[in-house]
Structures are given as C-alpha cells and as structure tokens.
Amino acid sequence: MPTQKPAWSWGHESDADVTLSDSSLLAGISWNDAFEGSTGRGVKVCVIDSGIDNDHPAIAGAVKGWVEPILDADGNVTYNVEHHEDLYGHGTACSGIIRETAPGVELYSVRVLGQRLSGKAATFSAGLRWAIDNGMQVVNLSMGATVPEYFSVFHELADEAYFNGTILVTAANNMPIISYPSLYASAISVACYEGASFSEPIEFYYNPLPPVEFGARGVDIKVAWRDGGYINATGNSFAAPHITGIVSLLLEKHPGLTAFQIKTVLRNLAKNVRKP
C-alpha cells in the first residue's frame, strides 16, 4: 500500500517544484557563512508536544527543563516543572530529528498532549505562552489547534513571539484543514517534501505557493520513539523539526537573527533556488 501523503506536502512532480531564480541582492548569503562549524550549541529549543524521553539514545540527556501546563476548573493555569515522560512517542521523535541536525541544542519539553496525542487548545496556548515568556529561542510546534474561538488567541501569541525574537517553526496539518499557528505569516510553516535526500540532513526546499513556505524530509523516515525504540513514520510533524534544527544552526552562528531574516536566509539557501 502506498504511503498516504500529508496535506500541504509536495514533491518533484508538483507545480511548486520549480527552480526559482535568486536575487542578485541576496547572492552574498552563502551556505558556509550560514552553517559551517555550527551544532546549535547553547540554543534553547522548546518542543511543545507529548513530552520527551530524555534517556532515549537519540536525545542523550539533552533536555534541560520540563514544563506541563495544568488548568483548573476555572481555567487558571499553573505550571508543573517536575520531570515528565513522553506519553506517546511523538515528542521524542521530533526532538530526535532536531538533534540529528543540531546536536548541540538545549531542549525544553513542554507537554500538552496525552496518551492519545490529544489535548486542549487552552493547554496548548498556555504552553506556548510559557515558551515566549521564558526566552525560548526556537519553538517546534508539530501540532496545531483547529478550534475557531482560539484563532485570535494563537494569532496574538504568534505575533508576540515574532516581536520578542522567539522563532516558531510549525508543521502544517496532515489533513486539508486550517490549523494554527501553522499558517500564520509570523511563523515558519513546514510540510513534507517528497524526494528530499536521506543522505543530506541539512536539505530543505522553498515553496513558492503559500501558505506553507518550506519543505523537508517527512515521508517514511526512521524516527525515535518510546522505550528507546524507533519506528518508520510519515507526516508534516517530522518535516518541521528538520527546519527547527537548521534554524538552531543559524542562531548559534548568528545570534539575534529575527524571524524575517531567518526566512530570507532559508529562502536563499533552499535547494530549489538557483544562484544568479
């Protein structure tokens, strides 16, 4: 049975797969200048997900903090900062991909999803609020909300992250439905790119057909999972952390880059952009 393609994904046979001309104005941005020698060392990366298995070989103790938003009956939020486990495997998978690209990052686990990979929009927004307020440099969001009444809540949080220098890397929904903050212009949106090489961990593509902007590996890839194991999985969830790792490489070597500067660099260095 062929692998079910996630929504928003594209590949070499799609209209979005064209070789794009680069601007001579941006020609000075080079691969070596952007990435050479960087491991993402010291960059604070928050993974908002189902938790992270810190003992997994793919994680190797990289988690420096744990947070779990707790909502009471009145909607008030407290944060449990005790060590927690991955309740599903999804957060460990995303974190392992990030470390594959940027092994020097400091991971922070914000657990908002349970054993069925489900959660509440209010808990999700509280987790994102914590990441922004606590100076996370990059936030990996391989999840999204679809509840209409939270559209403006996440829009405000995404804008606040943008202006505060917190980079949101978001996976587009696997289904052809709108979710947020994955499709906000202030975030870096990612979907699977079919045909991306398994031999080049720092490989990504620019999508000229918005709203999803970038593509990376995410179809039938080996990912870390619960109990120290690995599985083969497909989804936009696993494309986003590739970009999170790449952004972390940029931020170690070039601290202080803003979201629009990072998008400009990524667009210029994408594999399908032709140098003038």
C-alpha atoms as a PDB file:
ATOM      1  CA  MET A   1       0.000   0.000   0.000  1.00  0.00           C
ATOM      2  CA  PRO A   2       1.461   3.400  -0.955  1.00  0.00           C
ATOM      3  CA  THR A   3       2.227   5.851   1.824  1.00  0.00           C
ATOM      4  CA  GLN A   4      -0.580   8.344   2.447  1.00  0.00           C
ATOM      5  CA  LYS A   5       0.749  11.802   1.663  1.00  0.00           C
ATOM      6  CA  PRO A   6       0.057  14.505   4.255  1.00  0.00           C
ATOM      7  CA  ALA A   7      -1.893  17.550   3.136  1.00  0.00           C
ATOM      8  CA  TRP A   8       0.154  20.576   2.053  1.00  0.00           C
ATOM      9  CA  SER A   9       3.086  18.320   1.120  1.00  0.00           C
ATOM     10  CA  TRP A  10       4.599  18.464  -2.335  1.00  0.00           C
ATOM     11  CA  GLY A  11       7.395  16.937  -4.391  1.00  0.00           C
ATOM     12  CA  HIS A  12       9.277  16.899  -7.651  1.00  0.00           C
ATOM     13  CA  GLU A  13       6.144  16.283  -9.719  1.00  0.00           C
ATOM     14  CA  SER A  14       4.130  19.217  -8.330  1.00  0.00           C
ATOM     15  CA  ASP A  15       3.649  22.736  -9.650  1.00  0.00           C
ATOM     16  CA  ALA A  16       5.539  24.041  -6.616  1.00  0.00           C
ATOM     17  CA  ASP A  17       8.707  22.184  -7.597  1.00  0.00           C
ATOM     18  CA  VAL A  18      10.334  24.710  -9.850  1.00  0.00           C
ATOM     19  CA  THR A  19      13.849  26.040  -9.837  1.00  0.00           C
ATOM     20  CA  LEU A  20      13.446  29.558  -8.532  1.00  0.00           C
ATOM     21  CA  SER A  21      15.703  32.402  -9.549  1.00  0.00           C
ATOM     22  CA  ASP A  22      17.516  34.125  -6.733  1.00  0.00           C
ATOM     23  CA  SER A  23      18.011  37.854  -6.400  1.00  0.00           C
ATOM     24  CA  SER A  24      21.498  39.212  -7.014  1.00  0.00           C
ATOM     25  CA  LEU A  25      20.871  41.391  -3.957  1.00  0.00           C
ATOM     26  CA  LEU A  26      20.929  38.289  -1.754  1.00  0.00           C
ATOM     27  CA  ALA A  27      23.684  36.434  -3.573  1.00  0.00           C
ATOM     28  CA  GLY A  28      26.173  37.193  -0.795  1.00  0.00           C
ATOM     29  CA  ILE A  29      24.466  34.737   1.563  1.00  0.00           C
ATOM     30  CA  SER A  30      26.457  31.502   1.359  1.00  0.00           C
ATOM     31  CA  TRP A  31      25.987  28.054   2.838  1.00  0.00           C
ATOM     32  CA  ASN A  32      29.318  28.189   4.675  1.00  0.00           C
ATOM     33  CA  ASP A  33      28.650  31.619   6.118  1.00  0.00           C
ATOM     34  CA  ALA A  34      25.291  30.442   7.410  1.00  0.00           C
ATOM     35  CA  PHE A  35      26.069  26.999   8.830  1.00  0.00           C
ATOM     36  CA  GLU A  36      29.731  25.976   8.761  1.00  0.00           C
ATOM     37  CA  GLY A  37      31.005  24.799  12.138  1.00  0.00           C
ATOM     38  CA  SER A  38      27.663  25.210  13.922  1.00  0.00           C
ATOM     39  CA  THR A  39      25.992  22.499  16.013  1.00  0.00           C
ATOM     40  CA  GLY A  40      23.274  24.663  17.551  1.00  0.00           C
ATOM     41  CA  ARG A  41      25.302  24.722  20.784  1.00  0.00           C
ATOM     42  CA  GLY A  42      23.530  26.575  23.566  1.00  0.00           C
ATOM     43  CA  VAL A  43      20.424  27.429  21.532  1.00  0.00           C
ATOM     44  CA  LYS A  44      17.274  26.947  23.632  1.00  0.00           C
ATOM     45  CA  VAL A  45      14.745  24.874  21.694  1.00  0.00           C
ATOM     46  CA  CYS A  46      11.303  24.247  23.150  1.00  0.00           C
ATOM     47  CA  VAL A  47       9.380  21.213  21.895  1.00  0.00           C
ATOM     48  CA  ILE A  48       5.674  21.594  22.636  1.00  0.00           C
ATOM     49  CA  ASP A  49       4.328  18.088  22.277  1.00  0.00           C
ATOM     50  CA  SER A  50       3.684  14.836  24.173  1.00  0.00           C
ATOM     51  CA  GLY A  51       6.888  15.016  26.243  1.00  0.00           C
ATOM     52  CA  ILE A  52      10.453  13.883  25.539  1.00  0.00           C
ATOM     53  CA  ASP A  53      12.190  10.664  26.594  1.00  0.00           C
ATOM     54  CA  ASN A  54      15.448  12.127  27.878  1.00  0.00           C
ATOM     55  CA  ASP A  55      17.017   8.666  28.222  1.00  0.00           C
ATOM     56  CA  HIS A  56      16.498   7.748  24.576  1.00  0.00           C
ATOM     57  CA  PRO A  57      19.833   7.373  22.718  1.00  0.00           C
ATOM     58  CA  ALA A  58      18.640   9.931  20.152  1.00  0.00           C
ATOM     59  CA  ILE A  59      18.130  12.503  22.927  1.00  0.00           C
ATOM     60  CA  ALA A  60      21.124  11.579  25.100  1.00  0.00           C
ATOM     61  CA  GLY A  61      20.205  13.767  28.058  1.00  0.00           C
ATOM     62  CA  ALA A  62      19.779  16.990  26.055  1.00  0.00           C
ATOM     63  CA  VAL A  63      16.578  18.022  27.886  1.00  0.00           C
ATOM     64  CA  LYS A  64      17.351  20.869  30.291  1.00  0.00           C
ATOM     65  CA  GLY A  65      13.847  21.562  31.552  1.00  0.00           C
ATOM     66  CA  TRP A  66      10.343  20.143  31.762  1.00  0.00           C
ATOM     67  CA  VAL A  67       7.049  22.044  31.907  1.00  0.00           C
ATOM     68  CA  GLU A  68       3.436  20.882  31.934  1.00  0.00           C
ATOM     69  CA  PRO A  69       0.604  23.453  31.982  1.00  0.00           C
ATOM     70  CA  ILE A  70      -2.178  22.481  34.401  1.00  0.00           C
ATOM     71  CA  LEU A  71      -5.639  24.047  34.061  1.00  0.00           C
ATOM     72  CA  ASP A  72      -8.035  24.079  36.996  1.00  0.00           C
ATOM     73  CA  ALA A  73     -11.838  24.064  36.750  1.00  0.00           C
ATOM     74  CA  ASP A  74     -11.902  27.849  36.405  1.00  0.00           C
ATOM     75  CA  GLY A  75      -9.346  27.890  33.597  1.00  0.00           C
ATOM     76  CA  ASN A  76      -6.479  29.162  35.746  1.00  0.00           C
ATOM     77  CA  VAL A  77      -3.045  27.902  34.721  1.00  0.00           C
ATOM     78  CA  THR A  78      -0.190  26.613  36.853  1.00  0.00           C
ATOM     79  CA  TYR A  79       2.989  25.021  35.555  1.00  0.00           C
ATOM     80  CA  ASN A  80       4.358  21.719  36.808  1.00  0.00           C
ATOM     81  CA  VAL A  81       8.129  21.785  36.292  1.00  0.00           C
ATOM     82  CA  GLU A  82       8.837  18.249  37.531  1.00  0.00           C
ATOM     83  CA  HIS A  83      10.471  15.710  35.211  1.00  0.00           C
ATOM     84  CA  HIS A  84       7.940  14.022  32.930  1.00  0.00           C
ATOM     85  CA  GLU A  85       7.976  11.231  30.350  1.00  0.00           C
ATOM     86  CA  ASP A  86       6.766  11.093  26.758  1.00  0.00           C
ATOM     87  CA  LEU A  87       3.187   9.808  26.883  1.00  0.00           C
ATOM     88  CA  TYR A  88       3.036   8.870  23.219  1.00  0.00           C
ATOM     89  CA  GLY A  89       6.403   8.984  21.408  1.00  0.00           C
ATOM     90  CA  HIS A  90       5.696  11.930  19.127  1.00  0.00           C
ATOM     91  CA  GLY A  91       7.697  14.491  21.104  1.00  0.00           C
ATOM     92  CA  THR A  92      10.695  12.176  21.290  1.00  0.00           C
ATOM     93  CA  ALA A  93      10.521  11.648  17.519  1.00  0.00           C
ATOM     94  CA  CYS A  94      10.552  15.396  16.829  1.00  0.00           C
ATOM     95  CA  SER A  95      13.334  16.009  19.343  1.00  0.00           C
ATOM     96  CA  GLY A  96      15.483  13.251  17.865  1.00  0.00           C
ATOM     97  CA  ILE A  97      15.199  14.833  14.420  1.00  0.00           C
ATOM     98  CA  ILE A  98      16.202  18.226  15.829  1.00  0.00           C
ATOM     99  CA  ARG A  99      19.308  16.737  17.470  1.00  0.00           C
ATOM    100  CA  GLU A 100      20.201  14.826  14.310  1.00  0.00           C
ATOM    101  CA  THR A 101      20.690  18.199  12.622  1.00  0.00           C
ATOM    102  CA  ALA A 102      21.765  20.316  15.597  1.00  0.00           C
ATOM    103  CA  PRO A 103      23.224  18.048  18.294  1.00  0.00           C
ATOM    104  CA  GLY A 104      24.340  20.952  20.461  1.00  0.00           C
ATOM    105  CA  VAL A 105      20.902  22.393  21.247  1.00  0.00           C
ATOM    106  CA  GLU A 106      19.392  22.607  24.727  1.00  0.00           C
ATOM    107  CA  LEU A 107      15.939  21.020  24.665  1.00  0.00           C
ATOM    108  CA  TYR A 108      12.983  22.057  26.811  1.00  0.00           C
ATOM    109  CA  SER A 109       9.952  19.772  26.943  1.00  0.00           C
ATOM    110  CA  VAL A 110       6.523  21.373  27.257  1.00  0.00           C
ATOM    111  CA  ARG A 111       3.985  18.563  27.498  1.00  0.00           C
ATOM    112  CA  VAL A 112       0.493  19.462  26.297  1.00  0.00           C
ATOM    113  CA  LEU A 113      -0.550  16.195  24.608  1.00  0.00           C
ATOM    114  CA  GLY A 114      -1.653  12.948  26.248  1.00  0.00           C
ATOM    115  CA  GLN A 115      -1.550   9.238  25.514  1.00  0.00           C
ATOM    116  CA  ARG A 116      -3.863   9.556  22.514  1.00  0.00           C
ATOM    117  CA  LEU A 117      -1.922  12.530  21.156  1.00  0.00           C
ATOM    118  CA  SER A 118      -4.829  14.784  22.029  1.00  0.00           C
ATOM    119  CA  GLY A 119      -5.061  17.875  24.177  1.00  0.00           C
ATOM    120  CA  LYS A 120      -6.914  21.096  24.823  1.00  0.00           C
ATOM    121  CA  ALA A 121      -6.351  24.328  22.936  1.00  0.00           C
ATOM    122  CA  ALA A 122      -6.192  26.167  26.264  1.00  0.00           C
ATOM    123  CA  THR A 123      -3.360  23.933  27.462  1.00  0.00           C
ATOM    124  CA  PHE A 124      -1.561  24.321  24.132  1.00  0.00           C
ATOM    125  CA  SER A 125      -1.798  28.104  24.280  1.00  0.00           C
ATOM    126  CA  ALA A 126      -0.572  28.086  27.890  1.00  0.00           C
ATOM    127  CA  GLY A 127       2.452  26.037  26.826  1.00  0.00           C
ATOM    128  CA  LEU A 128       3.245  28.465  24.031  1.00  0.00           C
ATOM    129  CA  ARG A 129       2.828  31.364  26.451  1.00  0.00           C
ATOM    130  CA  TRP A 130       5.411  29.762  28.771  1.00  0.00           C
ATOM    131  CA  ALA A 131       7.901  29.352  25.897  1.00  0.00           C
ATOM    132  CA  ILE A 132       7.617  33.021  24.910  1.00  0.00           C
ATOM    133  CA  ASP A 133       7.790  34.320  28.491  1.00  0.00           C
ATOM    134  CA  ASN A 134      10.823  32.176  29.315  1.00  0.00           C
ATOM    135  CA  GLY A 135      13.043  33.209  26.435  1.00  0.00           C
ATOM    136  CA  MET A 136      12.971  30.126  24.256  1.00  0.00           C
ATOM    137  CA  GLN A 137      14.826  30.935  21.038  1.00  0.00           C
ATOM    138  CA  VAL A 138      13.106  28.353  18.819  1.00  0.00           C
ATOM    139  CA  VAL A 139       9.789  26.576  19.414  1.00  0.00           C
ATOM    140  CA  ASN A 140       8.943  23.406  17.493  1.00  0.00           C
ATOM    141  CA  LEU A 141       5.184  23.046  17.007  1.00  0.00           C
ATOM    142  CA  SER A 142       4.465  19.750  15.278  1.00  0.00           C
ATOM    143  CA  MET A 143       0.837  20.193  16.233  1.00  0.00           C
ATOM    144  CA  GLY A 144      -1.887  22.775  15.859  1.00  0.00           C
ATOM    145  CA  ALA A 145      -5.300  23.914  17.027  1.00  0.00           C
ATOM    146  CA  THR A 146      -8.470  23.907  14.951  1.00  0.00           C
ATOM    147  CA  VAL A 147     -10.895  25.380  17.491  1.00  0.00           C
ATOM    148  CA  PRO A 148     -12.238  28.589  15.867  1.00  0.00           C
ATOM    149  CA  GLU A 149     -12.536  30.534  19.128  1.00  0.00           C
ATOM    150  CA  TYR A 150      -8.773  30.189  19.667  1.00  0.00           C
ATOM    151  CA  PHE A 151      -7.824  31.669  16.304  1.00  0.00           C
ATOM    152  CA  SER A 152      -7.215  35.143  17.746  1.00  0.00           C
ATOM    153  CA  VAL A 153      -5.506  33.767  20.876  1.00  0.00           C
ATOM    154  CA  PHE A 154      -2.869  31.981  18.830  1.00  0.00           C
ATOM    155  CA  HIS A 155      -2.605  34.896  16.413  1.00  0.00           C
ATOM    156  CA  GLU A 156      -1.706  37.209  19.286  1.00  0.00           C
ATOM    157  CA  LEU A 157       0.782  34.696  20.702  1.00  0.00           C
ATOM    158  CA  ALA A 158       2.423  34.197  17.316  1.00  0.00           C
ATOM    159  CA  ASP A 159       2.788  37.954  16.836  1.00  0.00           C
ATOM    160  CA  GLU A 160       4.192  38.333  20.349  1.00  0.00           C
ATOM    161  CA  ALA A 161       6.723  35.589  19.646  1.00  0.00           C
ATOM    162  CA  TYR A 162       7.666  37.311  16.387  1.00  0.00           C
ATOM    163  CA  PHE A 163       8.339  40.658  18.039  1.00  0.00           C
ATOM    164  CA  ASN A 164      10.105  39.110  21.044  1.00  0.00           C
ATOM    165  CA  GLY A 165      12.543  37.141  18.902  1.00  0.00           C
ATOM    166  CA  THR A 166      11.110  33.672  19.563  1.00  0.00           C
ATOM    167  CA  ILE A 167      11.087  31.717  16.295  1.00  0.00           C
ATOM    168  CA  LEU A 168       8.029  29.486  15.791  1.00  0.00           C
ATOM    169  CA  VAL A 169       8.586  26.533  13.454  1.00  0.00           C
ATOM    170  CA  THR A 170       5.237  24.917  12.735  1.00  0.00           C
ATOM    171  CA  ALA A 171       4.042  21.799  10.939  1.00  0.00           C
ATOM    172  CA  ALA A 172       1.099  22.168   8.585  1.00  0.00           C
ATOM    173  CA  ASN A 173      -1.826  19.888   9.365  1.00  0.00           C
ATOM    174  CA  ASN A 174      -1.702  16.409   7.830  1.00  0.00           C
ATOM    175  CA  MET A 175      -5.316  16.875   6.802  1.00  0.00           C
ATOM    176  CA  PRO A 176      -6.524  19.539   4.333  1.00  0.00           C
ATOM    177  CA  ILE A 177      -7.933  21.726   7.095  1.00  0.00           C
ATOM    178  CA  ILE A 178      -6.824  25.030   8.566  1.00  0.00           C
ATOM    179  CA  SER A 179      -4.902  24.819  11.825  1.00  0.00           C
ATOM    180  CA  TYR A 180      -2.992  27.431  13.707  1.00  0.00           C
ATOM    181  CA  PRO A 181      -0.499  28.819  14.323  1.00  0.00           C
ATOM    182  CA  SER A 182       0.885  26.737  11.435  1.00  0.00           C
ATOM    183  CA  LEU A 183      -0.358  29.003   8.658  1.00  0.00           C
ATOM    184  CA  TYR A 184       0.274  32.409  10.216  1.00  0.00           C
ATOM    185  CA  ALA A 185       2.740  34.562   8.310  1.00  0.00           C
ATOM    186  CA  SER A 186       4.669  35.307  11.516  1.00  0.00           C
ATOM    187  CA  ALA A 187       5.594  31.619  11.888  1.00  0.00           C
ATOM    188  CA  ILE A 188       7.788  29.403   9.704  1.00  0.00           C
ATOM    189  CA  SER A 189       5.414  26.848   8.200  1.00  0.00           C
ATOM    190  CA  VAL A 190       6.681  23.461   7.032  1.00  0.00           C
ATOM    191  CA  ALA A 191       5.325  20.435   5.164  1.00  0.00           C
ATOM    192  CA  CYS A 192       6.810  17.266   3.696  1.00  0.00           C
ATOM    193  CA  TYR A 193       8.818  17.439   0.513  1.00  0.00           C
ATOM    194  CA  GLU A 194       8.756  14.127  -1.324  1.00  0.00           C
ATOM    195  CA  GLY A 195      12.087  13.361  -2.888  1.00  0.00           C
ATOM    196  CA  ALA A 196      14.256  15.032  -0.242  1.00  0.00           C
ATOM    197  CA  SER A 197      17.506  13.123   0.178  1.00  0.00           C
ATOM    198  CA  PHE A 198      18.048  10.857   3.186  1.00  0.00           C
ATOM    199  CA  SER A 199      21.802  11.379   2.890  1.00  0.00           C
ATOM    200  CA  GLU A 200      21.701  15.155   3.409  1.00  0.00           C
ATOM    201  CA  PRO A 201      20.344  16.123   6.838  1.00  0.00           C
ATOM    202  CA  ILE A 202      20.572  19.840   6.027  1.00  0.00           C
ATOM    203  CA  GLU A 203      18.334  19.823   2.980  1.00  0.00           C
ATOM    204  CA  PHE A 204      15.209  21.880   2.559  1.00  0.00           C
ATOM    205  CA  TYR A 205      13.078  23.466  -0.147  1.00  0.00           C
ATOM    206  CA  TYR A 206      11.230  26.724  -0.599  1.00  0.00           C
ATOM    207  CA  ASN A 207       7.573  26.539  -1.622  1.00  0.00           C
ATOM    208  CA  PRO A 208       6.506  29.421  -3.893  1.00  0.00           C
ATOM    209  CA  LEU A 209       2.826  28.520  -3.392  1.00  0.00           C
ATOM    210  CA  PRO A 210       1.827  29.783   0.077  1.00  0.00           C
ATOM    211  CA  PRO A 211       0.723  29.450   2.819  1.00  0.00           C
ATOM    212  CA  VAL A 212       3.251  26.681   3.589  1.00  0.00           C
ATOM    213  CA  GLU A 213       6.711  28.128   2.977  1.00  0.00           C
ATOM    214  CA  PHE A 214       9.262  25.332   3.367  1.00  0.00           C
ATOM    215  CA  GLY A 215       9.572  21.608   2.804  1.00  0.00           C
ATOM    216  CA  ALA A 216      11.830  18.927   4.273  1.00  0.00           C
ATOM    217  CA  ARG A 217      12.032  15.161   4.777  1.00  0.00           C
ATOM    218  CA  GLY A 218       8.936  13.702   6.371  1.00  0.00           C
ATOM    219  CA  VAL A 219       7.820  10.720   4.264  1.00  0.00           C
ATOM    220  CA  ASP A 220       8.640   7.231   5.538  1.00  0.00           C
ATOM    221  CA  ILE A 221      11.540   8.254   7.775  1.00  0.00           C
ATOM    222  CA  LYS A 222      13.039   6.481  10.774  1.00  0.00           C
ATOM    223  CA  VAL A 223      12.297   8.364  13.998  1.00  0.00           C
ATOM    224  CA  ALA A 224      12.993   7.825  17.692  1.00  0.00           C
ATOM    225  CA  TRP A 225      10.022   6.595  19.718  1.00  0.00           C
ATOM    226  CA  ARG A 226       9.095   5.473  23.222  1.00  0.00           C
ATOM    227  CA  ASP A 227      11.059   2.948  25.284  1.00  0.00           C
ATOM    228  CA  GLY A 228      14.300   3.581  23.427  1.00  0.00           C
ATOM    229  CA  GLY A 229      12.917   2.304  20.135  1.00  0.00           C
ATOM    230  CA  TYR A 230      12.475   3.576  16.580  1.00  0.00           C
ATOM    231  CA  ILE A 231       9.655   3.432  14.055  1.00  0.00           C
ATOM    232  CA  ASN A 232       9.136   4.479  10.430  1.00  0.00           C
ATOM    233  CA  ALA A 233       6.685   7.349  10.193  1.00  0.00           C
ATOM    234  CA  THR A 234       5.233   9.888   7.755  1.00  0.00           C
ATOM    235  CA  GLY A 235       3.854  13.321   8.486  1.00  0.00           C
ATOM    236  CA  ASN A 236       4.408  17.037   8.359  1.00  0.00           C
ATOM    237  CA  SER A 237       5.148  16.686  12.073  1.00  0.00           C
ATOM    238  CA  PHE A 238       8.508  15.201  11.150  1.00  0.00           C
ATOM    239  CA  ALA A 239       9.361  17.739   8.455  1.00  0.00           C
ATOM    240  CA  ALA A 240       9.095  20.705  10.839  1.00  0.00           C
ATOM    241  CA  PRO A 241      11.851  19.600  13.263  1.00  0.00           C
ATOM    242  CA  HIS A 242      14.318  19.395  10.370  1.00  0.00           C
ATOM    243  CA  ILE A 243      13.779  23.129   9.876  1.00  0.00           C
ATOM    244  CA  THR A 244      13.915  23.698  13.660  1.00  0.00           C
ATOM    245  CA  GLY A 245      17.367  22.119  13.695  1.00  0.00           C
ATOM    246  CA  ILE A 246      18.513  24.218  10.740  1.00  0.00           C
ATOM    247  CA  VAL A 247      17.246  27.417  12.395  1.00  0.00           C
ATOM    248  CA  SER A 248      19.182  26.429  15.519  1.00  0.00           C
ATOM    249  CA  LEU A 249      22.380  26.128  13.484  1.00  0.00           C
ATOM    250  CA  LEU A 250      21.817  29.641  12.180  1.00  0.00           C
ATOM    251  CA  LEU A 251      21.166  31.066  15.633  1.00  0.00           C
ATOM    252  CA  GLU A 252      24.321  29.646  17.172  1.00  0.00           C
ATOM    253  CA  LYS A 253      26.481  31.180  14.468  1.00  0.00           C
ATOM    254  CA  HIS A 254      24.420  34.348  14.042  1.00  0.00           C
ATOM    255  CA  PRO A 255      22.741  35.186  17.380  1.00  0.00           C
ATOM    256  CA  GLY A 256      19.911  37.674  17.256  1.00  0.00           C
ATOM    257  CA  LEU A 257      18.588  36.935  13.789  1.00  0.00           C
ATOM    258  CA  THR A 258      14.930  37.872  13.555  1.00  0.00           C
ATOM    259  CA  ALA A 259      12.212  35.720  12.040  1.00  0.00           C
ATOM    260  CA  PHE A 260      12.132  37.632   8.761  1.00  0.00           C
ATOM    261  CA  GLN A 261      15.941  37.491   8.483  1.00  0.00           C
ATOM    262  CA  ILE A 262      15.888  33.725   9.059  1.00  0.00           C
ATOM    263  CA  LYS A 263      13.182  33.270   6.423  1.00  0.00           C
ATOM    264  CA  THR A 264      15.277  35.297   3.975  1.00  0.00           C
ATOM    265  CA  VAL A 265      18.354  33.146   4.600  1.00  0.00           C
ATOM    266  CA  LEU A 266      16.367  29.914   4.285  1.00  0.00           C
ATOM    267  CA  ARG A 267      14.712  31.039   1.074  1.00  0.00           C
ATOM    268  CA  ASN A 268      18.079  31.983  -0.400  1.00  0.00           C
ATOM    269  CA  LEU A 269      19.760  28.685   0.548  1.00  0.00           C
ATOM    270  CA  ALA A 270      16.887  26.322  -0.313  1.00  0.00           C
ATOM    271  CA  LYS A 271      17.905  23.538  -2.655  1.00  0.00           C
ATOM    272  CA  ASN A 272      15.500  24.601  -5.390  1.00  0.00           C
ATOM    273  CA  VAL A 273      16.741  28.203  -5.564  1.00  0.00           C
ATOM    274  CA  ARG A 274      19.149  28.863  -8.414  1.00  0.00           C
ATOM    275  CA  LYS A 275      22.050  31.232  -7.775  1.00  0.00           C
ATOM    276  CA  PRO A 276      22.349  34.116 -10.246  1.00  0.00           C
END
